[in-house]
Amino acid sequence: MSFFYLIAAAFTLAVCLAARRMGLLLGVVDSPDGIRKTHEVDTPLVGGIASILPFVGSSIFYGSHSGYAPLYFTLAAVAGGSLVLGYVDDRVHVKPLWRLILSAAICVGALYAVPALRVEAFTFSFSSLPVFLYGWATLFTVICLVGLQNAVNMADGRNGLVLGLSLIWVICLLAYAPSHLTPLLVVLGISISIAMPFNLRGRLFLGDSGAYALSTGIGILAVYVYGVKFSVLSADIVALWFLVPILDCLRLMVTRVFAGRSPFNSDRNHLHHILNGVMPWNRALAFYLLLVAVPAGLAYIFPDKALLWAFLTTTIYGVLIFVAARGLTHHRLSAL
């Protein structure tokens, strides 16, 4: 098994070292435009290939040598399919509606292949009574997975952020996952850890391929781990893991609609932009990641207080947005 981890690490490192050549070969190089894309040089969008392909390969390998073949092959198909969809989006820019439809189709296929990937019921840290979804399980699960994909894609606007978030989520999953998932999560964690320094230095970007594959793959894993560990992992703890990017996504979509724009239009009003506006990116990145990691860690230590950690996280997020809005208003008034 250790040898397999070394193979995964070597593959990721090789892709990262050859990122520019691979980006040119695949036709996925992001050029700065001086407006929204403010990086200095052409940058290859191969971070997703570096970080997710070892996971796909591992899933196929373990699926061929274990009793969990349907699960492993489905994980490979979901992550691989999302990677391909993101690659096409990186190349030709798929319209948001088609991206949502295709992403939903991938998720629906996974749920029918492995029914255990559906969220059938909620268990909460503050209640002993489960809430069953019955006939709504498939629809709810697909909405959650596609919603997480959209939230993570929106968060992919600064180097290191999505890979950092993904590493936190992998660690969270490792804390609860059954033993048959441990090798896959370790492979994913290794690949992310190797790709992240290259991303932080601007040597490569994650691209839509990486954002889609990581978010959907981790989302599917979270649903499965919750389903088999619901006695110790409540739904509110899982929601807490993803709370910050989801809050930011919902806020952005609502404010864009009220402004008369498409909820999928891009802008520079994301939480990572706000944080980067008041501090250097290395500190802003650490702040954002801590805002996700600390509540998750507290929920692991004190699981019965998960609702409190969610409330405090939401409060901190709200204060940040309020202060940023006040500062922007003051700046506009001063310019009059």
C-alpha atoms as a PDB file:
ATOM      1  CA  MET A   1       0.000   0.000   0.000  1.00  0.00           C
ATOM      2  CA  SER A   2       2.867   2.381   0.794  1.00  0.00           C
ATOM      3  CA  PHE A   3       4.266   1.672  -2.671  1.00  0.00           C
ATOM      4  CA  PHE A   4       0.918   2.672  -4.171  1.00  0.00           C
ATOM      5  CA  TYR A   5       1.059   5.952  -2.237  1.00  0.00           C
ATOM      6  CA  LEU A   6       4.516   6.572  -3.705  1.00  0.00           C
ATOM      7  CA  ILE A   7       3.194   6.008  -7.222  1.00  0.00           C
ATOM      8  CA  ALA A   8       0.394   8.520  -6.623  1.00  0.00           C
ATOM      9  CA  ALA A   9       2.861  11.046  -5.219  1.00  0.00           C
ATOM     10  CA  ALA A  10       5.255  10.559  -8.131  1.00  0.00           C
ATOM     11  CA  PHE A  11       2.468  11.052 -10.676  1.00  0.00           C
ATOM     12  CA  THR A  12       1.271  14.269  -9.048  1.00  0.00           C
ATOM     13  CA  LEU A  13       4.805  15.621  -8.784  1.00  0.00           C
ATOM     14  CA  ALA A  14       5.517  14.771 -12.428  1.00  0.00           C
ATOM     15  CA  VAL A  15       2.386  16.610 -13.608  1.00  0.00           C
ATOM     16  CA  CYS A  16       3.249  19.639 -11.485  1.00  0.00           C
ATOM     17  CA  LEU A  17       6.823  19.777 -12.758  1.00  0.00           C
ATOM     18  CA  ALA A  18       5.653  19.457 -16.361  1.00  0.00           C
ATOM     19  CA  ALA A  19       2.620  21.698 -15.852  1.00  0.00           C
ATOM     20  CA  ARG A  20       3.403  24.247 -18.534  1.00  0.00           C
ATOM     21  CA  ARG A  21       4.178  21.654 -21.191  1.00  0.00           C
ATOM     22  CA  MET A  22       1.062  19.659 -20.308  1.00  0.00           C
ATOM     23  CA  GLY A  23      -1.124  22.774 -20.320  1.00  0.00           C
ATOM     24  CA  LEU A  24       0.063  23.675 -23.806  1.00  0.00           C
ATOM     25  CA  LEU A  25      -0.416  20.102 -25.006  1.00  0.00           C
ATOM     26  CA  LEU A  26      -3.986  19.934 -23.676  1.00  0.00           C
ATOM     27  CA  GLY A  27      -4.858  23.479 -24.684  1.00  0.00           C
ATOM     28  CA  VAL A  28      -5.683  24.650 -21.167  1.00  0.00           C
ATOM     29  CA  VAL A  29      -3.552  27.706 -20.424  1.00  0.00           C
ATOM     30  CA  ASP A  30      -5.146  30.668 -18.665  1.00  0.00           C
ATOM     31  CA  SER A  31      -4.030  34.067 -19.961  1.00  0.00           C
ATOM     32  CA  PRO A  32      -4.349  37.278 -17.883  1.00  0.00           C
ATOM     33  CA  ASP A  33      -6.835  39.885 -19.109  1.00  0.00           C
ATOM     34  CA  GLY A  34      -6.028  42.710 -16.678  1.00  0.00           C
ATOM     35  CA  ILE A  35      -9.635  42.821 -15.459  1.00  0.00           C
ATOM     36  CA  ARG A  36     -10.808  39.655 -13.723  1.00  0.00           C
ATOM     37  CA  LYS A  37      -7.751  37.516 -14.425  1.00  0.00           C
ATOM     38  CA  THR A  38      -5.002  39.547 -12.814  1.00  0.00           C
ATOM     39  CA  HIS A  39      -2.204  36.961 -12.687  1.00  0.00           C
ATOM     40  CA  GLU A  40       1.009  38.046 -14.383  1.00  0.00           C
ATOM     41  CA  VAL A  41       1.788  35.221 -16.817  1.00  0.00           C
ATOM     42  CA  ASP A  42       0.042  32.497 -18.804  1.00  0.00           C
ATOM     43  CA  THR A  43      -0.694  29.676 -16.361  1.00  0.00           C
ATOM     44  CA  PRO A  44      -1.572  26.023 -17.109  1.00  0.00           C
ATOM     45  CA  LEU A  45      -4.903  24.722 -15.775  1.00  0.00           C
ATOM     46  CA  VAL A  46      -3.657  21.248 -14.857  1.00  0.00           C
ATOM     47  CA  GLY A  47      -4.013  21.291 -11.069  1.00  0.00           C
ATOM     48  CA  GLY A  48      -7.094  19.104 -11.327  1.00  0.00           C
ATOM     49  CA  ILE A  49      -5.239  16.471 -13.328  1.00  0.00           C
ATOM     50  CA  ALA A  50      -2.425  16.473 -10.782  1.00  0.00           C
ATOM     51  CA  SER A  51      -4.675  16.229  -7.737  1.00  0.00           C
ATOM     52  CA  ILE A  52      -7.582  14.022  -8.851  1.00  0.00           C
ATOM     53  CA  LEU A  53      -6.252  11.480 -11.383  1.00  0.00           C
ATOM     54  CA  PRO A  54      -4.345   9.478  -8.716  1.00  0.00           C
ATOM     55  CA  PHE A  55      -7.631   9.226  -6.793  1.00  0.00           C
ATOM     56  CA  VAL A  56      -9.427   8.004  -9.919  1.00  0.00           C
ATOM     57  CA  GLY A  57      -6.709   5.450 -10.612  1.00  0.00           C
ATOM     58  CA  SER A  58      -6.703   4.289  -6.988  1.00  0.00           C
ATOM     59  CA  SER A  59     -10.476   3.870  -7.014  1.00  0.00           C
ATOM     60  CA  ILE A  60     -10.270   1.665 -10.109  1.00  0.00           C
ATOM     61  CA  PHE A  61      -7.388  -0.366  -8.654  1.00  0.00           C
ATOM     62  CA  TYR A  62      -9.049  -0.987  -5.287  1.00  0.00           C
ATOM     63  CA  GLY A  63     -12.378  -1.635  -6.988  1.00  0.00           C
ATOM     64  CA  SER A  64     -10.721  -4.458  -8.899  1.00  0.00           C
ATOM     65  CA  HIS A  65      -9.326  -6.028  -5.722  1.00  0.00           C
ATOM     66  CA  SER A  66     -12.040  -5.647  -3.080  1.00  0.00           C
ATOM     67  CA  GLY A  67     -15.652  -6.318  -2.236  1.00  0.00           C
ATOM     68  CA  TYR A  68     -16.565  -2.656  -2.653  1.00  0.00           C
ATOM     69  CA  ALA A  69     -16.275  -2.595  -6.435  1.00  0.00           C
ATOM     70  CA  PRO A  70     -19.563  -0.719  -7.132  1.00  0.00           C
ATOM     71  CA  LEU A  71     -18.598   2.050  -4.704  1.00  0.00           C
ATOM     72  CA  TYR A  72     -15.010   2.392  -5.914  1.00  0.00           C
ATOM     73  CA  PHE A  73     -15.915   2.325  -9.604  1.00  0.00           C
ATOM     74  CA  THR A  74     -18.669   4.885  -9.015  1.00  0.00           C
ATOM     75  CA  LEU A  75     -16.254   7.181  -7.178  1.00  0.00           C
ATOM     76  CA  ALA A  76     -13.857   6.889 -10.115  1.00  0.00           C
ATOM     77  CA  ALA A  77     -16.646   7.615 -12.599  1.00  0.00           C
ATOM     78  CA  VAL A  78     -17.924  10.644 -10.682  1.00  0.00           C
ATOM     79  CA  ALA A  79     -14.497  12.204 -10.163  1.00  0.00           C
ATOM     80  CA  GLY A  80     -13.336  11.316 -13.669  1.00  0.00           C
ATOM     81  CA  GLY A  81     -16.555  12.482 -15.303  1.00  0.00           C
ATOM     82  CA  SER A  82     -16.455  15.776 -13.428  1.00  0.00           C
ATOM     83  CA  LEU A  83     -12.798  16.190 -14.407  1.00  0.00           C
ATOM     84  CA  VAL A  84     -13.682  15.743 -18.082  1.00  0.00           C
ATOM     85  CA  LEU A  85     -16.630  18.140 -17.812  1.00  0.00           C
ATOM     86  CA  GLY A  86     -14.382  20.734 -16.198  1.00  0.00           C
ATOM     87  CA  TYR A  87     -11.706  20.199 -18.837  1.00  0.00           C
ATOM     88  CA  VAL A  88     -14.248  20.877 -21.588  1.00  0.00           C
ATOM     89  CA  ASP A  89     -15.377  23.969 -19.675  1.00  0.00           C
ATOM     90  CA  ASP A  90     -11.764  25.133 -19.433  1.00  0.00           C
ATOM     91  CA  ARG A  91     -11.413  24.684 -23.192  1.00  0.00           C
ATOM     92  CA  VAL A  92     -14.690  26.030 -24.598  1.00  0.00           C
ATOM     93  CA  HIS A  93     -16.593  27.535 -21.614  1.00  0.00           C
ATOM     94  CA  VAL A  94     -19.755  25.470 -21.205  1.00  0.00           C
ATOM     95  CA  LYS A  95     -22.867  27.546 -20.487  1.00  0.00           C
ATOM     96  CA  PRO A  96     -23.841  27.451 -16.769  1.00  0.00           C
ATOM     97  CA  LEU A  97     -27.204  25.789 -17.438  1.00  0.00           C
ATOM     98  CA  TRP A  98     -25.615  22.959 -19.417  1.00  0.00           C
ATOM     99  CA  ARG A  99     -22.908  22.576 -16.791  1.00  0.00           C
ATOM    100  CA  LEU A 100     -25.558  22.203 -14.086  1.00  0.00           C
ATOM    101  CA  ILE A 101     -27.529  19.694 -16.158  1.00  0.00           C
ATOM    102  CA  LEU A 102     -24.466  17.586 -16.954  1.00  0.00           C
ATOM    103  CA  SER A 103     -23.225  17.726 -13.349  1.00  0.00           C
ATOM    104  CA  ALA A 104     -26.654  16.677 -12.104  1.00  0.00           C
ATOM    105  CA  ALA A 105     -26.698  13.797 -14.603  1.00  0.00           C
ATOM    106  CA  ILE A 106     -23.341  12.545 -13.306  1.00  0.00           C
ATOM    107  CA  CYS A 107     -24.630  12.663  -9.734  1.00  0.00           C
ATOM    108  CA  VAL A 108     -27.943  10.960 -10.566  1.00  0.00           C
ATOM    109  CA  GLY A 109     -26.059   8.159 -12.303  1.00  0.00           C
ATOM    110  CA  ALA A 110     -23.890   7.683  -9.217  1.00  0.00           C
ATOM    111  CA  LEU A 111     -26.889   7.520  -6.875  1.00  0.00           C
ATOM    112  CA  TYR A 112     -28.611   4.872  -8.965  1.00  0.00           C
ATOM    113  CA  ALA A 113     -25.403   2.851  -9.269  1.00  0.00           C
ATOM    114  CA  VAL A 114     -24.856   2.933  -5.488  1.00  0.00           C
ATOM    115  CA  PRO A 115     -28.066   3.714  -3.549  1.00  0.00           C
ATOM    116  CA  ALA A 116     -25.987   4.082  -0.358  1.00  0.00           C
ATOM    117  CA  LEU A 117     -24.801   7.419  -1.761  1.00  0.00           C
ATOM    118  CA  ARG A 118     -28.229   8.945  -1.173  1.00  0.00           C
ATOM    119  CA  VAL A 119     -28.966  11.019   1.920  1.00  0.00           C
ATOM    120  CA  GLU A 120     -31.913   9.025   3.244  1.00  0.00           C
ATOM    121  CA  ALA A 121     -32.295  10.760   6.607  1.00  0.00           C
ATOM    122  CA  PHE A 122     -30.924  13.492   8.844  1.00  0.00           C
ATOM    123  CA  THR A 123     -29.510  12.849  12.288  1.00  0.00           C
ATOM    124  CA  PHE A 124     -28.679  15.887  14.380  1.00  0.00           C
ATOM    125  CA  SER A 125     -26.302  16.526  17.255  1.00  0.00           C
ATOM    126  CA  PHE A 126     -29.076  18.273  19.190  1.00  0.00           C
ATOM    127  CA  SER A 127     -31.826  15.673  18.701  1.00  0.00           C
ATOM    128  CA  SER A 128     -32.229  11.910  19.008  1.00  0.00           C
ATOM    129  CA  LEU A 129     -35.013  11.840  16.417  1.00  0.00           C
ATOM    130  CA  PRO A 130     -33.980  11.285  12.777  1.00  0.00           C
ATOM    131  CA  VAL A 131     -35.753  13.062   9.924  1.00  0.00           C
ATOM    132  CA  PHE A 132     -36.387  10.813   6.921  1.00  0.00           C
ATOM    133  CA  LEU A 133     -36.498  12.121   3.353  1.00  0.00           C
ATOM    134  CA  TYR A 134     -38.298   9.141   1.807  1.00  0.00           C
ATOM    135  CA  GLY A 135     -38.970   9.877  -1.883  1.00  0.00           C
ATOM    136  CA  TRP A 136     -37.018  13.139  -1.798  1.00  0.00           C
ATOM    137  CA  ALA A 137     -33.658  11.525  -1.041  1.00  0.00           C
ATOM    138  CA  THR A 138     -32.314  11.476  -4.602  1.00  0.00           C
ATOM    139  CA  LEU A 139     -33.383  15.027  -5.441  1.00  0.00           C
ATOM    140  CA  PHE A 140     -32.003  16.412  -2.181  1.00  0.00           C
ATOM    141  CA  THR A 141     -28.667  14.634  -2.591  1.00  0.00           C
ATOM    142  CA  VAL A 142     -28.238  15.849  -6.173  1.00  0.00           C
ATOM    143  CA  ILE A 143     -29.048  19.435  -5.147  1.00  0.00           C
ATOM    144  CA  CYS A 144     -26.459  19.225  -2.359  1.00  0.00           C
ATOM    145  CA  LEU A 145     -23.748  17.816  -4.624  1.00  0.00           C
ATOM    146  CA  VAL A 146     -24.338  20.253  -7.481  1.00  0.00           C
ATOM    147  CA  GLY A 147     -24.662  23.110  -4.990  1.00  0.00           C
ATOM    148  CA  LEU A 148     -21.337  22.208  -3.383  1.00  0.00           C
ATOM    149  CA  GLN A 149     -19.722  22.044  -6.810  1.00  0.00           C
ATOM    150  CA  ASN A 150     -20.973  25.535  -7.614  1.00  0.00           C
ATOM    151  CA  ALA A 151     -19.850  26.885  -4.224  1.00  0.00           C
ATOM    152  CA  VAL A 152     -16.350  25.442  -4.585  1.00  0.00           C
ATOM    153  CA  ASN A 153     -16.080  26.713  -8.146  1.00  0.00           C
ATOM    154  CA  MET A 154     -16.956  30.211  -6.921  1.00  0.00           C
ATOM    155  CA  ALA A 155     -14.289  29.922  -4.211  1.00  0.00           C
ATOM    156  CA  ASP A 156     -11.644  29.062  -6.800  1.00  0.00           C
ATOM    157  CA  GLY A 157     -10.427  32.611  -7.287  1.00  0.00           C
ATOM    158  CA  ARG A 158      -7.156  32.705  -5.385  1.00  0.00           C
ATOM    159  CA  ASN A 159      -4.166  30.381  -5.307  1.00  0.00           C
ATOM    160  CA  GLY A 160      -4.270  27.681  -2.655  1.00  0.00           C
ATOM    161  CA  LEU A 161      -7.837  28.223  -1.511  1.00  0.00           C
ATOM    162  CA  VAL A 162      -9.726  25.288  -3.024  1.00  0.00           C
ATOM    163  CA  LEU A 163      -6.805  22.903  -2.556  1.00  0.00           C
ATOM    164  CA  GLY A 164      -6.518  24.060   1.057  1.00  0.00           C
ATOM    165  CA  LEU A 165     -10.242  23.577   1.619  1.00  0.00           C
ATOM    166  CA  SER A 166     -10.092  20.161  -0.026  1.00  0.00           C
ATOM    167  CA  LEU A 167      -7.233  19.081   2.228  1.00  0.00           C
ATOM    168  CA  ILE A 168      -9.219  20.142   5.304  1.00  0.00           C
ATOM    169  CA  TRP A 169     -12.224  18.161   4.096  1.00  0.00           C
ATOM    170  CA  VAL A 170     -10.098  15.081   3.402  1.00  0.00           C
ATOM    171  CA  ILE A 171      -8.791  15.255   6.981  1.00  0.00           C
ATOM    172  CA  CYS A 172     -12.360  15.621   8.273  1.00  0.00           C
ATOM    173  CA  LEU A 173     -13.414  12.565   6.279  1.00  0.00           C
ATOM    174  CA  LEU A 174     -10.435  10.547   7.522  1.00  0.00           C
ATOM    175  CA  ALA A 175     -11.553  11.240  11.095  1.00  0.00           C
ATOM    176  CA  TYR A 176     -14.827   9.377  10.492  1.00  0.00           C
ATOM    177  CA  ALA A 177     -14.402   7.214   7.377  1.00  0.00           C
ATOM    178  CA  PRO A 178     -14.604   3.409   7.468  1.00  0.00           C
ATOM    179  CA  SER A 179     -11.288   1.636   6.962  1.00  0.00           C
ATOM    180  CA  HIS A 180     -12.014   0.632   3.352  1.00  0.00           C
ATOM    181  CA  LEU A 181     -11.991   4.316   2.349  1.00  0.00           C
ATOM    182  CA  THR A 182      -8.756   5.195   4.132  1.00  0.00           C
ATOM    183  CA  PRO A 183      -6.403   4.330   1.206  1.00  0.00           C
ATOM    184  CA  LEU A 184      -8.396   6.471  -1.229  1.00  0.00           C
ATOM    185  CA  LEU A 185      -8.492   9.429   1.141  1.00  0.00           C
ATOM    186  CA  VAL A 186      -4.764   9.132   1.847  1.00  0.00           C
ATOM    187  CA  VAL A 187      -4.027   9.135  -1.899  1.00  0.00           C
ATOM    188  CA  LEU A 188      -6.226  12.196  -2.368  1.00  0.00           C
ATOM    189  CA  GLY A 189      -4.589  13.957   0.577  1.00  0.00           C
ATOM    190  CA  ILE A 190      -1.092  13.212  -0.740  1.00  0.00           C
ATOM    191  CA  SER A 191      -1.909  14.508  -4.216  1.00  0.00           C
ATOM    192  CA  ILE A 192      -3.473  17.699  -2.885  1.00  0.00           C
ATOM    193  CA  SER A 193      -0.527  18.302  -0.545  1.00  0.00           C
ATOM    194  CA  ILE A 194       1.960  18.004  -3.412  1.00  0.00           C
ATOM    195  CA  ALA A 195      -0.031  20.136  -5.862  1.00  0.00           C
ATOM    196  CA  MET A 196      -0.767  22.913  -3.377  1.00  0.00           C
ATOM    197  CA  PRO A 197       2.747  24.475  -3.180  1.00  0.00           C
ATOM    198  CA  PHE A 198       2.863  24.691  -6.986  1.00  0.00           C
ATOM    199  CA  ASN A 199      -0.552  26.361  -6.972  1.00  0.00           C
ATOM    200  CA  LEU A 200       0.488  28.793  -4.236  1.00  0.00           C
ATOM    201  CA  ARG A 201       3.499  29.847  -6.308  1.00  0.00           C
ATOM    202  CA  GLY A 202       1.347  30.367  -9.392  1.00  0.00           C
ATOM    203  CA  ARG A 203       3.003  27.519 -11.305  1.00  0.00           C
ATOM    204  CA  LEU A 204      -0.400  26.011 -12.088  1.00  0.00           C
ATOM    205  CA  PHE A 205      -4.090  26.676 -11.537  1.00  0.00           C
ATOM    206  CA  LEU A 206      -6.714  24.173 -10.492  1.00  0.00           C
ATOM    207  CA  GLY A 207      -9.015  25.031 -13.379  1.00  0.00           C
ATOM    208  CA  ASP A 208     -12.676  24.134 -13.643  1.00  0.00           C
ATOM    209  CA  SER A 209     -11.586  20.528 -14.102  1.00  0.00           C
ATOM    210  CA  GLY A 210     -10.025  20.466 -10.652  1.00  0.00           C
ATOM    211  CA  ALA A 211     -12.762  22.455  -8.928  1.00  0.00           C
ATOM    212  CA  TYR A 212     -15.531  20.255 -10.349  1.00  0.00           C
ATOM    213  CA  ALA A 213     -13.767  16.949  -9.712  1.00  0.00           C
ATOM    214  CA  LEU A 214     -12.589  17.738  -6.185  1.00  0.00           C
ATOM    215  CA  SER A 215     -15.907  19.195  -5.044  1.00  0.00           C
ATOM    216  CA  THR A 216     -18.066  16.422  -6.502  1.00  0.00           C
ATOM    217  CA  GLY A 217     -15.699  13.667  -5.399  1.00  0.00           C
ATOM    218  CA  ILE A 218     -15.406  14.992  -1.861  1.00  0.00           C
ATOM    219  CA  GLY A 219     -19.154  15.625  -1.760  1.00  0.00           C
ATOM    220  CA  ILE A 220     -19.916  12.017  -2.741  1.00  0.00           C
ATOM    221  CA  LEU A 221     -17.415  10.772  -0.152  1.00  0.00           C
ATOM    222  CA  ALA A 222     -19.015  12.950   2.536  1.00  0.00           C
ATOM    223  CA  VAL A 223     -22.477  11.568   1.744  1.00  0.00           C
ATOM    224  CA  TYR A 224     -21.210   7.992   1.904  1.00  0.00           C
ATOM    225  CA  VAL A 225     -19.273   8.481   5.149  1.00  0.00           C
ATOM    226  CA  TYR A 226     -22.290  10.177   6.725  1.00  0.00           C
ATOM    227  CA  GLY A 227     -24.511   7.291   5.611  1.00  0.00           C
ATOM    228  CA  VAL A 228     -22.367   4.598   7.239  1.00  0.00           C
ATOM    229  CA  LYS A 229     -21.293   6.631  10.281  1.00  0.00           C
ATOM    230  CA  PHE A 230     -24.509   8.524  11.060  1.00  0.00           C
ATOM    231  CA  SER A 231     -24.413   7.313  14.680  1.00  0.00           C
ATOM    232  CA  VAL A 232     -21.291   9.419  15.353  1.00  0.00           C
ATOM    233  CA  LEU A 233     -21.363  11.870  12.433  1.00  0.00           C
ATOM    234  CA  SER A 234     -24.475  14.042  12.461  1.00  0.00           C
ATOM    235  CA  ALA A 235     -25.810  15.966   9.482  1.00  0.00           C
ATOM    236  CA  ASP A 236     -25.119  19.325  11.120  1.00  0.00           C
ATOM    237  CA  ILE A 237     -21.429  18.439  11.519  1.00  0.00           C
ATOM    238  CA  VAL A 238     -21.172  17.590   7.814  1.00  0.00           C
ATOM    239  CA  ALA A 239     -22.961  20.837   6.931  1.00  0.00           C
ATOM    240  CA  LEU A 240     -20.525  22.717   9.173  1.00  0.00           C
ATOM    241  CA  TRP A 241     -17.565  21.464   7.120  1.00  0.00           C
ATOM    242  CA  PHE A 242     -18.896  23.151   3.980  1.00  0.00           C
ATOM    243  CA  LEU A 243     -20.691  26.071   5.618  1.00  0.00           C
ATOM    244  CA  VAL A 244     -18.403  28.986   4.689  1.00  0.00           C
ATOM    245  CA  PRO A 245     -18.142  28.459   0.903  1.00  0.00           C
ATOM    246  CA  ILE A 246     -21.855  27.614   0.737  1.00  0.00           C
ATOM    247  CA  LEU A 247     -22.805  30.773   2.653  1.00  0.00           C
ATOM    248  CA  ASP A 248     -20.637  32.814   0.328  1.00  0.00           C
ATOM    249  CA  CYS A 249     -22.143  31.168  -2.749  1.00  0.00           C
ATOM    250  CA  LEU A 250     -25.723  31.803  -1.603  1.00  0.00           C
ATOM    251  CA  ARG A 251     -24.945  35.428  -0.715  1.00  0.00           C
ATOM    252  CA  LEU A 252     -23.339  36.072  -4.090  1.00  0.00           C
ATOM    253  CA  MET A 253     -26.188  34.497  -6.036  1.00  0.00           C
ATOM    254  CA  VAL A 254     -28.850  36.436  -4.113  1.00  0.00           C
ATOM    255  CA  THR A 255     -27.066  39.793  -4.402  1.00  0.00           C
ATOM    256  CA  ARG A 256     -26.474  39.273  -8.123  1.00  0.00           C
ATOM    257  CA  VAL A 257     -30.149  38.494  -8.730  1.00  0.00           C
ATOM    258  CA  PHE A 258     -31.233  41.581  -6.764  1.00  0.00           C
ATOM    259  CA  ALA A 259     -28.778  43.616  -8.839  1.00  0.00           C
ATOM    260  CA  GLY A 260     -30.479  42.388 -12.007  1.00  0.00           C
ATOM    261  CA  ARG A 261     -27.612  40.127 -13.065  1.00  0.00           C
ATOM    262  CA  SER A 262     -27.301  36.409 -13.642  1.00  0.00           C
ATOM    263  CA  PRO A 263     -26.468  34.502 -10.430  1.00  0.00           C
ATOM    264  CA  PHE A 264     -23.645  32.852 -12.375  1.00  0.00           C
ATOM    265  CA  ASN A 265     -21.953  36.095 -13.446  1.00  0.00           C
ATOM    266  CA  SER A 266     -18.464  36.602 -12.079  1.00  0.00           C
ATOM    267  CA  ASP A 267     -17.435  39.507  -9.868  1.00  0.00           C
ATOM    268  CA  ARG A 268     -14.892  40.409  -7.206  1.00  0.00           C
ATOM    269  CA  ASN A 269     -17.226  40.376  -4.206  1.00  0.00           C
ATOM    270  CA  HIS A 270     -16.327  36.900  -2.940  1.00  0.00           C
ATOM    271  CA  LEU A 271     -15.142  36.364   0.624  1.00  0.00           C
ATOM    272  CA  HIS A 272     -11.600  35.687  -0.582  1.00  0.00           C
ATOM    273  CA  HIS A 273     -11.605  39.008  -2.471  1.00  0.00           C
ATOM    274  CA  ILE A 274     -12.887  40.812   0.615  1.00  0.00           C
ATOM    275  CA  LEU A 275     -10.220  39.294   2.856  1.00  0.00           C
ATOM    276  CA  ASN A 276      -7.494  39.945   0.301  1.00  0.00           C
ATOM    277  CA  GLY A 277      -8.616  43.568   0.156  1.00  0.00           C
ATOM    278  CA  VAL A 278      -7.647  44.166   3.788  1.00  0.00           C
ATOM    279  CA  MET A 279      -4.635  41.865   4.218  1.00  0.00           C
ATOM    280  CA  PRO A 280      -1.942  40.107   2.150  1.00  0.00           C
ATOM    281  CA  TRP A 281      -3.140  36.924   0.480  1.00  0.00           C
ATOM    282  CA  ASN A 282      -1.041  34.595   2.651  1.00  0.00           C
ATOM    283  CA  ARG A 283      -2.823  35.924   5.746  1.00  0.00           C
ATOM    284  CA  ALA A 284      -6.199  36.038   4.005  1.00  0.00           C
ATOM    285  CA  LEU A 285      -5.777  32.416   2.933  1.00  0.00           C
ATOM    286  CA  ALA A 286      -4.871  31.351   6.466  1.00  0.00           C
ATOM    287  CA  PHE A 287      -7.873  33.254   7.861  1.00  0.00           C
ATOM    288  CA  TYR A 288     -10.288  31.648   5.390  1.00  0.00           C
ATOM    289  CA  LEU A 289      -8.939  28.138   5.989  1.00  0.00           C
ATOM    290  CA  LEU A 290      -9.015  28.598   9.765  1.00  0.00           C
ATOM    291  CA  LEU A 291     -12.627  29.771   9.512  1.00  0.00           C
ATOM    292  CA  VAL A 292     -13.375  26.344   8.032  1.00  0.00           C
ATOM    293  CA  ALA A 293     -10.922  24.152   9.959  1.00  0.00           C
ATOM    294  CA  VAL A 294     -11.403  25.446  13.511  1.00  0.00           C
ATOM    295  CA  PRO A 295     -15.194  24.874  13.687  1.00  0.00           C
ATOM    296  CA  ALA A 296     -14.721  21.430  12.111  1.00  0.00           C
ATOM    297  CA  GLY A 297     -12.104  20.577  14.733  1.00  0.00           C
ATOM    298  CA  LEU A 298     -14.285  21.867  17.559  1.00  0.00           C
ATOM    299  CA  ALA A 299     -17.201  19.795  16.262  1.00  0.00           C
ATOM    300  CA  TYR A 300     -14.993  16.699  16.340  1.00  0.00           C
ATOM    301  CA  ILE A 301     -13.978  17.367  19.953  1.00  0.00           C
ATOM    302  CA  PHE A 302     -17.381  18.639  21.113  1.00  0.00           C
ATOM    303  CA  PRO A 303     -19.888  17.084  18.672  1.00  0.00           C
ATOM    304  CA  ASP A 304     -22.925  17.919  20.800  1.00  0.00           C
ATOM    305  CA  LYS A 305     -22.233  21.644  20.277  1.00  0.00           C
ATOM    306  CA  ALA A 306     -22.080  21.561  16.468  1.00  0.00           C
ATOM    307  CA  LEU A 307     -25.006  23.971  16.205  1.00  0.00           C
ATOM    308  CA  LEU A 308     -23.117  26.490  18.362  1.00  0.00           C
ATOM    309  CA  TRP A 309     -20.018  26.246  16.153  1.00  0.00           C
ATOM    310  CA  ALA A 310     -22.204  26.778  13.075  1.00  0.00           C
ATOM    311  CA  PHE A 311     -23.813  29.842  14.662  1.00  0.00           C
ATOM    312  CA  LEU A 312     -20.441  31.351  15.591  1.00  0.00           C
ATOM    313  CA  THR A 313     -19.039  30.654  12.117  1.00  0.00           C
ATOM    314  CA  THR A 314     -22.053  32.271  10.464  1.00  0.00           C
ATOM    315  CA  THR A 315     -21.758  35.257  12.800  1.00  0.00           C
ATOM    316  CA  ILE A 316     -18.078  35.785  11.974  1.00  0.00           C
ATOM    317  CA  TYR A 317     -18.859  35.487   8.271  1.00  0.00           C
ATOM    318  CA  GLY A 318     -21.726  37.970   8.586  1.00  0.00           C
ATOM    319  CA  VAL A 319     -19.583  40.477  10.463  1.00  0.00           C
ATOM    320  CA  LEU A 320     -16.888  40.273   7.783  1.00  0.00           C
ATOM    321  CA  ILE A 321     -19.407  40.936   5.014  1.00  0.00           C
ATOM    322  CA  PHE A 322     -21.073  43.763   6.970  1.00  0.00           C
ATOM    323  CA  VAL A 323     -17.773  45.505   7.709  1.00  0.00           C
ATOM    324  CA  ALA A 324     -16.702  45.118   4.080  1.00  0.00           C
ATOM    325  CA  ALA A 325     -20.006  46.584   2.869  1.00  0.00           C
ATOM    326  CA  ARG A 326     -19.690  49.539   5.257  1.00  0.00           C
ATOM    327  CA  GLY A 327     -16.147  50.165   4.076  1.00  0.00           C
ATOM    328  CA  LEU A 328     -17.222  50.078   0.429  1.00  0.00           C
ATOM    329  CA  THR A 329     -20.100  52.476   1.117  1.00  0.00           C
ATOM    330  CA  HIS A 330     -17.792  54.872   2.951  1.00  0.00           C
ATOM    331  CA  HIS A 331     -15.318  54.734   0.054  1.00  0.00           C
ATOM    332  CA  ARG A 332     -18.062  55.560  -2.453  1.00  0.00           C
ATOM    333  CA  LEU A 333     -19.373  58.459  -0.349  1.00  0.00           C
ATOM    334  CA  SER A 334     -15.861  59.850   0.037  1.00  0.00           C
ATOM    335  CA  ALA A 335     -15.449  59.808  -3.735  1.00  0.00           C
ATOM    336  CA  LEU A 336     -18.540  62.017  -4.257  1.00  0.00           C
END
